[in-house]
N, C-alpha and C. Protein backbone atom coordinates (compact mmCIF):
# COMPACT_ATOMS: atom_id res chain seq x y z
N MET A 1 5.97 -28.54 1.49
CA MET A 1 6.85 -28.87 2.39
C MET A 1 5.99 -27.81 3.63
N ASP A 2 5.66 -29.26 4.55
CA ASP A 2 5.28 -28.41 6.05
C ASP A 2 6.37 -27.85 6.93
N LEU A 3 5.93 -27.48 7.94
CA LEU A 3 6.45 -26.84 8.86
C LEU A 3 7.48 -27.20 9.48
N ARG A 4 7.44 -28.62 9.48
CA ARG A 4 8.48 -29.34 9.98
C ARG A 4 9.87 -29.81 8.98
N ASP A 5 9.40 -30.02 8.21
CA ASP A 5 10.26 -30.08 7.12
C ASP A 5 11.34 -28.70 6.83
N PHE A 6 10.28 -27.86 6.87
CA PHE A 6 11.05 -26.08 6.42
C PHE A 6 11.69 -26.03 7.79
N GLN A 7 11.59 -26.31 8.77
CA GLN A 7 12.30 -26.22 9.90
C GLN A 7 13.71 -27.23 9.95
N LYS A 8 13.57 -28.52 9.72
CA LYS A 8 14.76 -29.01 9.21
C LYS A 8 15.77 -28.44 8.46
N ASN A 9 15.07 -27.71 7.23
CA ASN A 9 16.03 -27.25 6.30
C ASN A 9 16.58 -26.09 6.57
N ILE A 10 16.02 -25.28 7.36
CA ILE A 10 16.56 -24.19 7.61
C ILE A 10 17.50 -24.60 8.73
N ALA A 11 17.81 -25.71 9.50
CA ALA A 11 18.54 -25.75 10.41
C ALA A 11 19.87 -26.13 9.56
N LYS A 12 19.17 -27.00 8.36
CA LYS A 12 20.60 -28.02 7.74
C LYS A 12 21.30 -26.65 7.06
N THR A 13 20.61 -25.90 6.84
CA THR A 13 21.45 -24.90 6.16
C THR A 13 22.16 -23.51 6.60
N PHE A 14 21.23 -23.10 7.54
CA PHE A 14 21.68 -21.69 8.45
C PHE A 14 22.10 -22.40 9.41
N GLY A 15 21.85 -23.41 10.10
CA GLY A 15 21.97 -23.70 11.61
C GLY A 15 23.72 -23.29 12.50
N PRO A 16 24.60 -23.29 11.58
CA PRO A 16 25.98 -23.30 11.83
C PRO A 16 26.09 -21.89 11.97
N LYS A 17 25.57 -21.01 10.99
CA LYS A 17 25.78 -19.65 10.91
C LYS A 17 25.02 -19.04 12.09
N ASP A 18 24.17 -19.71 12.26
CA ASP A 18 22.67 -19.28 13.69
C ASP A 18 23.81 -19.49 14.71
N SER A 19 24.31 -20.63 15.08
CA SER A 19 24.79 -21.03 16.23
C SER A 19 25.93 -19.75 16.53
N VAL A 20 26.49 -19.53 15.55
CA VAL A 20 28.06 -18.68 15.92
C VAL A 20 27.73 -17.15 16.15
N ARG A 21 26.28 -17.09 15.27
CA ARG A 21 25.72 -15.41 15.48
C ARG A 21 24.92 -15.25 16.89
N GLY A 22 24.63 -16.35 17.20
CA GLY A 22 23.82 -16.54 18.70
C GLY A 22 22.40 -16.15 18.47
N MET A 23 21.51 -16.02 19.51
CA MET A 23 20.48 -15.66 19.76
C MET A 23 20.18 -14.47 19.71
N PRO A 24 21.11 -13.35 20.62
CA PRO A 24 20.65 -12.10 20.34
C PRO A 24 21.03 -11.87 18.41
N GLY A 25 22.22 -12.05 18.00
CA GLY A 25 22.19 -11.83 16.48
C GLY A 25 21.28 -12.20 15.74
N THR A 26 20.69 -13.54 15.44
CA THR A 26 19.90 -14.05 14.66
C THR A 26 18.25 -13.11 14.87
N PHE A 27 18.08 -12.64 16.43
CA PHE A 27 16.97 -11.80 16.69
C PHE A 27 16.76 -10.35 16.11
N MET A 28 18.16 -10.11 15.98
CA MET A 28 18.19 -8.89 15.50
C MET A 28 18.14 -8.43 13.66
N TYR A 29 18.42 -9.97 12.79
CA TYR A 29 18.03 -10.00 11.78
C TYR A 29 16.59 -10.35 11.46
N PHE A 30 16.29 -11.34 12.55
CA PHE A 30 14.79 -11.36 12.57
C PHE A 30 13.90 -10.06 12.54
N MET A 31 14.45 -9.26 13.20
CA MET A 31 13.31 -7.56 13.82
C MET A 31 13.68 -6.90 12.24
N GLU A 32 14.90 -6.89 11.52
CA GLU A 32 15.25 -6.12 10.60
C GLU A 32 14.16 -6.58 9.54
N GLU A 33 14.13 -7.96 9.29
CA GLU A 33 12.88 -8.77 8.24
C GLU A 33 11.62 -8.31 8.81
N VAL A 34 10.99 -8.19 9.97
CA VAL A 34 9.80 -7.75 10.40
C VAL A 34 10.09 -6.40 10.12
N GLY A 35 10.65 -5.14 10.19
CA GLY A 35 10.41 -4.09 9.65
C GLY A 35 10.34 -3.91 8.35
N GLU A 36 11.20 -4.68 7.61
CA GLU A 36 10.86 -4.95 6.02
C GLU A 36 9.50 -5.31 5.65
N LEU A 37 8.91 -6.00 6.22
CA LEU A 37 7.45 -6.39 6.19
C LEU A 37 6.36 -5.59 6.43
N ALA A 38 6.95 -4.75 7.28
CA ALA A 38 5.99 -3.71 7.93
C ALA A 38 5.99 -2.43 6.74
N GLU A 39 7.53 -2.41 6.05
CA GLU A 39 7.15 -1.21 4.77
C GLU A 39 6.80 -1.76 3.74
N ALA A 40 6.95 -3.18 3.20
CA ALA A 40 6.33 -3.97 2.36
C ALA A 40 4.62 -3.92 2.48
N LEU A 41 4.28 -3.91 3.71
CA LEU A 41 2.70 -4.08 3.74
C LEU A 41 2.11 -2.45 3.34
N ARG A 42 3.14 -1.40 3.36
CA ARG A 42 2.58 -0.21 3.34
C ARG A 42 2.49 0.21 2.05
N GLU A 43 3.36 -0.13 1.36
CA GLU A 43 3.48 -0.04 0.07
C GLU A 43 4.09 -1.39 -0.54
N PRO A 44 3.10 -2.19 -1.09
CA PRO A 44 3.18 -3.25 -1.59
C PRO A 44 3.37 -3.57 -3.61
N GLU A 45 2.96 -2.40 -4.04
CA GLU A 45 3.53 -2.20 -5.14
C GLU A 45 4.80 -1.89 -5.37
N LYS A 46 5.58 -1.66 -4.20
CA LYS A 46 7.01 -0.99 -4.42
C LYS A 46 8.07 -2.43 -3.83
N HIS A 47 7.38 -3.59 -3.49
CA HIS A 47 8.46 -4.67 -2.56
C HIS A 47 8.00 -6.05 -2.89
N ASP A 48 8.44 -6.53 -2.52
CA ASP A 48 8.20 -8.24 -2.91
C ASP A 48 7.38 -8.61 -1.37
N LEU A 49 6.12 -8.60 -1.38
CA LEU A 49 5.49 -8.49 -0.36
C LEU A 49 5.55 -10.36 0.16
N ALA A 50 5.52 -11.08 -0.19
CA ALA A 50 5.41 -12.51 -0.25
C ALA A 50 6.97 -12.83 0.09
N GLY A 51 7.86 -12.29 -0.64
CA GLY A 51 9.21 -12.43 -0.12
C GLY A 51 9.48 -12.03 1.17
N GLU A 52 9.00 -10.88 1.45
CA GLU A 52 9.22 -10.49 2.99
C GLU A 52 8.34 -11.12 3.85
N PHE A 53 7.38 -11.89 3.40
CA PHE A 53 6.93 -13.03 4.36
C PHE A 53 7.60 -14.03 4.63
N ALA A 54 8.19 -14.42 3.33
CA ALA A 54 8.86 -15.85 3.39
C ALA A 54 9.90 -15.51 4.51
N ASP A 55 10.97 -14.33 4.31
CA ASP A 55 12.20 -13.82 5.09
C ASP A 55 11.89 -13.87 6.36
N CYS A 56 10.50 -13.24 6.93
CA CYS A 56 10.35 -13.58 8.41
C CYS A 56 10.06 -14.99 8.88
N LEU A 57 9.39 -15.82 7.98
CA LEU A 57 9.23 -17.15 8.66
C LEU A 57 10.52 -17.87 8.81
N ALA A 58 11.57 -17.47 7.85
CA ALA A 58 12.76 -18.30 8.17
C ALA A 58 13.52 -17.71 8.93
N TRP A 59 13.78 -16.69 9.61
CA TRP A 59 14.96 -16.07 10.46
C TRP A 59 13.77 -16.82 12.03
N LEU A 60 12.54 -16.47 11.73
CA LEU A 60 11.48 -16.78 13.06
C LEU A 60 11.87 -18.39 13.36
N THR A 61 12.09 -19.29 12.10
CA THR A 61 12.22 -20.26 12.21
C THR A 61 13.97 -20.56 12.97
N SER A 62 14.45 -20.01 12.28
CA SER A 62 16.37 -20.21 13.00
C SER A 62 16.26 -19.64 14.72
N LEU A 63 15.33 -18.76 14.71
CA LEU A 63 15.32 -18.71 16.05
C LEU A 63 14.81 -19.59 16.79
N ALA A 64 13.55 -20.54 16.47
CA ALA A 64 13.26 -21.44 17.28
C ALA A 64 13.79 -22.42 17.39
N HIS A 65 14.56 -23.20 16.10
CA HIS A 65 15.77 -23.92 16.41
C HIS A 65 16.88 -23.48 17.20
N LEU A 66 17.46 -22.31 17.16
CA LEU A 66 18.56 -21.86 18.46
C LEU A 66 17.97 -22.05 19.57
N ALA A 67 16.51 -21.94 20.03
CA ALA A 67 15.85 -22.21 21.05
C ALA A 67 15.06 -23.67 21.29
N ASP A 68 15.76 -24.65 20.83
CA ASP A 68 15.49 -25.96 20.33
C ASP A 68 13.55 -25.99 20.32
N ILE A 69 13.00 -25.51 19.79
CA ILE A 69 11.50 -25.58 19.69
C ILE A 69 11.05 -26.03 18.70
N ASP A 70 10.62 -27.20 18.56
CA ASP A 70 9.68 -27.72 17.72
C ASP A 70 8.40 -26.86 17.03
N LEU A 71 8.68 -25.60 16.13
CA LEU A 71 7.67 -25.14 16.06
C LEU A 71 6.29 -25.97 15.37
N ALA A 72 6.26 -26.95 14.69
CA ALA A 72 5.07 -27.62 14.51
C ALA A 72 4.41 -28.31 15.30
N ALA A 73 5.22 -29.08 16.42
CA ALA A 73 4.33 -29.63 17.46
C ALA A 73 4.03 -28.23 18.56
N VAL A 74 4.53 -27.24 18.79
CA VAL A 74 3.70 -26.07 19.52
C VAL A 74 2.99 -25.51 18.82
N THR A 75 2.75 -25.04 17.56
CA THR A 75 1.69 -24.55 16.73
C THR A 75 0.32 -25.72 16.77
N GLU A 76 0.39 -26.92 16.56
CA GLU A 76 -0.55 -27.97 16.80
C GLU A 76 -0.88 -28.24 17.79
N HIS A 77 -0.13 -27.77 18.85
CA HIS A 77 -0.78 -27.71 20.64
C HIS A 77 -1.50 -26.37 20.67
N LYS A 78 -1.07 -24.95 20.64
CA LYS A 78 -1.01 -24.35 20.67
C LYS A 78 -2.46 -23.51 19.84
N TYR A 79 -2.34 -23.93 18.67
CA TYR A 79 -3.31 -23.67 17.92
C TYR A 79 -4.15 -24.96 17.02
N PRO A 80 -4.93 -25.48 17.98
CA PRO A 80 -5.38 -26.82 17.22
C PRO A 80 -6.48 -26.08 16.22
N ALA A 81 -7.29 -27.03 15.41
CA ALA A 81 -8.17 -26.72 14.42
C ALA A 81 -9.53 -26.33 14.60
N VAL A 82 -9.40 -25.65 15.99
CA VAL A 82 -10.71 -24.76 16.51
C VAL A 82 -9.82 -23.83 17.49
N CYS A 83 -10.76 -22.63 17.68
CA CYS A 83 -10.43 -21.22 18.19
C CYS A 83 -10.48 -22.04 19.96
N SER A 84 -9.42 -21.84 20.64
CA SER A 84 -9.17 -22.03 21.76
C SER A 84 -10.21 -21.80 22.80
N ARG A 85 -11.07 -20.28 22.19
CA ARG A 85 -12.15 -19.65 23.17
C ARG A 85 -13.42 -20.28 23.27
N CYS A 86 -13.78 -20.15 21.61
CA CYS A 86 -15.15 -20.60 21.52
C CYS A 86 -15.47 -22.19 21.00
N SER A 87 -14.23 -22.71 20.97
CA SER A 87 -13.75 -24.27 20.27
C SER A 87 -14.47 -24.06 18.77
N GLN A 88 -14.88 -23.26 18.08
CA GLN A 88 -15.61 -23.25 16.65
C GLN A 88 -14.47 -22.70 15.44
N SER A 89 -14.88 -23.38 14.18
CA SER A 89 -14.03 -22.66 13.28
C SER A 89 -14.76 -22.95 12.11
N PRO A 90 -15.05 -21.37 11.66
CA PRO A 90 -14.27 -20.35 12.04
C PRO A 90 -14.88 -19.54 13.30
N CYS A 91 -13.44 -19.12 14.01
CA CYS A 91 -14.08 -18.43 15.11
C CYS A 91 -15.38 -17.91 15.14
N THR A 92 -16.16 -17.69 16.23
CA THR A 92 -16.83 -16.81 16.35
C THR A 92 -17.22 -15.91 17.42
N CYS A 93 -16.13 -15.69 18.26
CA CYS A 93 -15.55 -14.70 19.14
C CYS A 93 -16.36 -13.53 19.07
N GLU A 94 -16.66 -12.74 19.80
CA GLU A 94 -16.72 -11.13 19.07
C GLU A 94 -15.62 -10.96 19.09
N THR A 95 -15.84 -9.87 18.17
CA THR A 95 -14.47 -9.19 17.57
C THR A 95 -14.28 -8.17 18.67
N LYS A 96 -13.34 -7.67 18.78
CA LYS A 96 -13.36 -6.14 19.69
C LYS A 96 -12.55 -5.08 18.76
N PRO A 97 -13.30 -3.88 19.00
CA PRO A 97 -12.51 -2.90 18.07
C PRO A 97 -11.21 -2.55 18.20
């Protein structure tokens, strides 16, 4: 499934609940999931790391839907197939410490 289809599925499945909860409530759930991801990154053996990534993506997608943002369109524009600074793939920009 691509990002556009994923966003459509999230909107269809959770859009009505997200609308009632609103942007602030949905954002708080997203932040809670980011915290769980941080914990899973620290101790991956104790957590479902892949699941936490999926949860973060789902809540971020819910927020985008509430904000009427097409994630696939904006990511294609903002992050084309090359680095926006050096125009290379992979990026050859100097890494900052």
